[in-house]
Amino acid sequence: MESPRDDDHIECFVTELLSTASMLVGLVDDLSDALPADAYPGEEPTEVVVDMIYGSIATAIGAVNPDDVRTATSLIDLAGARVLEHLQLALELSRRIHPSDGGGGRTYG
């Protein structure tokens, strides 16, 4: 993937969101798998790792204005919701163009 242009704030946001999400999911998976089963008795390894990541992130953004964090959270939620909305629309369109019954097909466009 190419580096985003600094003048395209949306491209920078998407690139950073995907890169960070991918890294964090991989980290949770890898560390959860690497923990011995008895490392934290009575606790799920994934929950332990997520709590550790929470602690790390809290040290980075704990002093940030809470409204800014809420705004960032809302933007992440909005971005994810829109991707799911567009995937659903694409699925509906695909079903119209390629019906599973073998008949019909595209009748417009």
C-alpha atoms as a PDB file:
ATOM      1  CA  MET A   1       0.000   0.000   0.000  1.00  0.00           C
ATOM      2  CA  GLU A   2       1.337   3.412  -0.903  1.00  0.00           C
ATOM      3  CA  SER A   3       1.870   6.041   1.752  1.00  0.00           C
ATOM      4  CA  PRO A   4      -1.007   8.507   1.866  1.00  0.00           C
ATOM      5  CA  ARG A   5      -0.534  12.036   0.662  1.00  0.00           C
ATOM      6  CA  ASP A   6      -0.312  14.420   3.593  1.00  0.00           C
ATOM      7  CA  ASP A   7      -2.831  16.744   1.937  1.00  0.00           C
ATOM      8  CA  ASP A   8      -5.553  14.076   1.818  1.00  0.00           C
ATOM      9  CA  HIS A   9      -6.821  13.908   5.397  1.00  0.00           C
ATOM     10  CA  ILE A  10      -9.348  11.152   4.641  1.00  0.00           C
ATOM     11  CA  GLU A  11      -6.745   8.954   2.983  1.00  0.00           C
ATOM     12  CA  CYS A  12      -4.444   9.508   5.987  1.00  0.00           C
ATOM     13  CA  PHE A  13      -7.274   8.624   8.381  1.00  0.00           C
ATOM     14  CA  VAL A  14      -8.215   5.435   6.509  1.00  0.00           C
ATOM     15  CA  THR A  15      -4.608   4.315   6.156  1.00  0.00           C
ATOM     16  CA  GLU A  16      -3.883   4.926   9.836  1.00  0.00           C
ATOM     17  CA  LEU A  17      -7.148   3.301  10.949  1.00  0.00           C
ATOM     18  CA  LEU A  18      -6.557   0.134   8.933  1.00  0.00           C
ATOM     19  CA  SER A  19      -2.870  -0.092   9.773  1.00  0.00           C
ATOM     20  CA  THR A  20      -3.413   0.371  13.497  1.00  0.00           C
ATOM     21  CA  ALA A  21      -6.422  -1.943  13.636  1.00  0.00           C
ATOM     22  CA  SER A  22      -4.524  -4.668  11.794  1.00  0.00           C
ATOM     23  CA  MET A  23      -1.512  -4.319  14.071  1.00  0.00           C
ATOM     24  CA  LEU A  24      -3.606  -4.388  17.243  1.00  0.00           C
ATOM     25  CA  VAL A  25      -5.683  -7.405  16.175  1.00  0.00           C
ATOM     26  CA  GLY A  26      -2.506  -9.269  15.258  1.00  0.00           C
ATOM     27  CA  LEU A  27      -0.933  -8.312  18.563  1.00  0.00           C
ATOM     28  CA  VAL A  28      -3.941  -9.506  20.571  1.00  0.00           C
ATOM     29  CA  ASP A  29      -3.969 -12.804  18.664  1.00  0.00           C
ATOM     30  CA  ASP A  30      -0.228 -13.390  18.944  1.00  0.00           C
ATOM     31  CA  LEU A  31       0.092 -12.470  22.616  1.00  0.00           C
ATOM     32  CA  SER A  32      -3.055 -14.373  23.594  1.00  0.00           C
ATOM     33  CA  ASP A  33      -1.726 -17.480  21.898  1.00  0.00           C
ATOM     34  CA  ALA A  34       1.721 -17.058  23.484  1.00  0.00           C
ATOM     35  CA  LEU A  35       0.473 -16.782  27.068  1.00  0.00           C
ATOM     36  CA  PRO A  36       0.725 -20.008  29.038  1.00  0.00           C
ATOM     37  CA  ALA A  37      -2.703 -21.282  30.071  1.00  0.00           C
ATOM     38  CA  ASP A  38      -1.869 -20.783  33.764  1.00  0.00           C
ATOM     39  CA  ALA A  39      -0.290 -17.328  33.399  1.00  0.00           C
ATOM     40  CA  TYR A  40      -3.399 -15.582  34.746  1.00  0.00           C
ATOM     41  CA  PRO A  41      -5.520 -18.169  36.573  1.00  0.00           C
ATOM     42  CA  GLY A  42      -9.243 -17.570  36.218  1.00  0.00           C
ATOM     43  CA  GLU A  43      -8.804 -15.015  33.431  1.00  0.00           C
ATOM     44  CA  GLU A  44      -9.065 -15.371  29.682  1.00  0.00           C
ATOM     45  CA  PRO A  45      -5.735 -14.661  27.930  1.00  0.00           C
ATOM     46  CA  THR A  46      -7.437 -12.430  25.345  1.00  0.00           C
ATOM     47  CA  GLU A  47      -9.042 -10.312  28.061  1.00  0.00           C
ATOM     48  CA  VAL A  48      -5.687  -9.961  29.829  1.00  0.00           C
ATOM     49  CA  VAL A  49      -3.998  -8.789  26.616  1.00  0.00           C
ATOM     50  CA  VAL A  50      -6.821  -6.347  25.838  1.00  0.00           C
ATOM     51  CA  ASP A  51      -6.498  -4.917  29.365  1.00  0.00           C
ATOM     52  CA  MET A  52      -2.751  -4.497  28.815  1.00  0.00           C
ATOM     53  CA  ILE A  53      -3.357  -2.701  25.522  1.00  0.00           C
ATOM     54  CA  TYR A  54      -5.967  -0.512  27.217  1.00  0.00           C
ATOM     55  CA  GLY A  55      -3.349   0.480  29.785  1.00  0.00           C
ATOM     56  CA  SER A  56      -0.819   1.340  27.103  1.00  0.00           C
ATOM     57  CA  ILE A  57      -3.300   3.411  25.117  1.00  0.00           C
ATOM     58  CA  ALA A  58      -4.489   5.160  28.280  1.00  0.00           C
ATOM     59  CA  THR A  59      -0.938   6.401  28.920  1.00  0.00           C
ATOM     60  CA  ALA A  60      -0.874   7.858  25.406  1.00  0.00           C
ATOM     61  CA  ILE A  61      -4.255   9.594  25.355  1.00  0.00           C
ATOM     62  CA  GLY A  62      -5.172   9.922  29.017  1.00  0.00           C
ATOM     63  CA  ALA A  63      -4.281  13.613  29.030  1.00  0.00           C
ATOM     64  CA  VAL A  64      -6.118  14.364  25.780  1.00  0.00           C
ATOM     65  CA  ASN A  65      -9.328  16.371  25.981  1.00  0.00           C
ATOM     66  CA  PRO A  66     -12.136  13.811  26.531  1.00  0.00           C
ATOM     67  CA  ASP A  67     -14.245  15.542  23.874  1.00  0.00           C
ATOM     68  CA  ASP A  68     -11.469  14.955  21.336  1.00  0.00           C
ATOM     69  CA  VAL A  69     -11.351  11.262  22.268  1.00  0.00           C
ATOM     70  CA  ARG A  70     -15.143  11.045  21.954  1.00  0.00           C
ATOM     71  CA  THR A  71     -14.937  12.707  18.534  1.00  0.00           C
ATOM     72  CA  ALA A  72     -12.247  10.269  17.398  1.00  0.00           C
ATOM     73  CA  THR A  73     -14.332   7.355  18.692  1.00  0.00           C
ATOM     74  CA  SER A  74     -17.379   8.640  16.824  1.00  0.00           C
ATOM     75  CA  LEU A  75     -15.376   8.978  13.611  1.00  0.00           C
ATOM     76  CA  ILE A  76     -14.111   5.402  13.904  1.00  0.00           C
ATOM     77  CA  ASP A  77     -17.650   4.163  14.559  1.00  0.00           C
ATOM     78  CA  LEU A  78     -19.050   6.186  11.656  1.00  0.00           C
ATOM     79  CA  ALA A  79     -16.351   4.888   9.300  1.00  0.00           C
ATOM     80  CA  GLY A  80     -17.048   1.264  10.232  1.00  0.00           C
ATOM     81  CA  ALA A  81     -20.804   1.686   9.996  1.00  0.00           C
ATOM     82  CA  ARG A  82     -20.547   3.253   6.536  1.00  0.00           C
ATOM     83  CA  VAL A  83     -18.341   0.431   5.254  1.00  0.00           C
ATOM     84  CA  LEU A  84     -20.903  -2.116   6.488  1.00  0.00           C
ATOM     85  CA  GLU A  85     -23.748  -0.080   4.963  1.00  0.00           C
ATOM     86  CA  HIS A  86     -22.017   0.000   1.580  1.00  0.00           C
ATOM     87  CA  LEU A  87     -21.230  -3.716   1.734  1.00  0.00           C
ATOM     88  CA  GLN A  88     -24.907  -4.431   2.397  1.00  0.00           C
ATOM     89  CA  LEU A  89     -25.919  -2.253  -0.554  1.00  0.00           C
ATOM     90  CA  ALA A  90     -23.364  -4.019  -2.784  1.00  0.00           C
ATOM     91  CA  LEU A  91     -24.719  -7.402  -1.679  1.00  0.00           C
ATOM     92  CA  GLU A  92     -28.290  -6.366  -2.464  1.00  0.00           C
ATOM     93  CA  LEU A  93     -27.242  -5.082  -5.880  1.00  0.00           C
ATOM     94  CA  SER A  94     -25.287  -8.263  -6.580  1.00  0.00           C
ATOM     95  CA  ARG A  95     -28.315 -10.367  -5.685  1.00  0.00           C
ATOM     96  CA  ARG A  96     -30.438  -8.375  -8.144  1.00  0.00           C
ATOM     97  CA  ILE A  97     -27.868  -8.741 -10.923  1.00  0.00           C
ATOM     98  CA  HIS A  98     -27.056 -12.402 -10.165  1.00  0.00           C
ATOM     99  CA  PRO A  99     -30.186 -14.032  -8.738  1.00  0.00           C
ATOM    100  CA  SER A 100     -29.563 -17.372  -7.050  1.00  0.00           C
ATOM    101  CA  ASP A 101     -32.479 -19.009  -8.894  1.00  0.00           C
ATOM    102  CA  GLY A 102     -30.570 -18.729 -12.182  1.00  0.00           C
ATOM    103  CA  GLY A 103     -33.244 -16.639 -13.868  1.00  0.00           C
ATOM    104  CA  GLY A 104     -33.526 -13.001 -14.572  1.00  0.00           C
ATOM    105  CA  GLY A 105     -30.311 -11.144 -14.220  1.00  0.00           C
ATOM    106  CA  ARG A 106     -29.768  -7.492 -14.744  1.00  0.00           C
ATOM    107  CA  THR A 107     -32.908  -5.846 -16.102  1.00  0.00           C
ATOM    108  CA  TYR A 108     -31.647  -2.290 -15.980  1.00  0.00           C
ATOM    109  CA  GLY A 109     -28.480  -0.253 -16.579  1.00  0.00           C
END
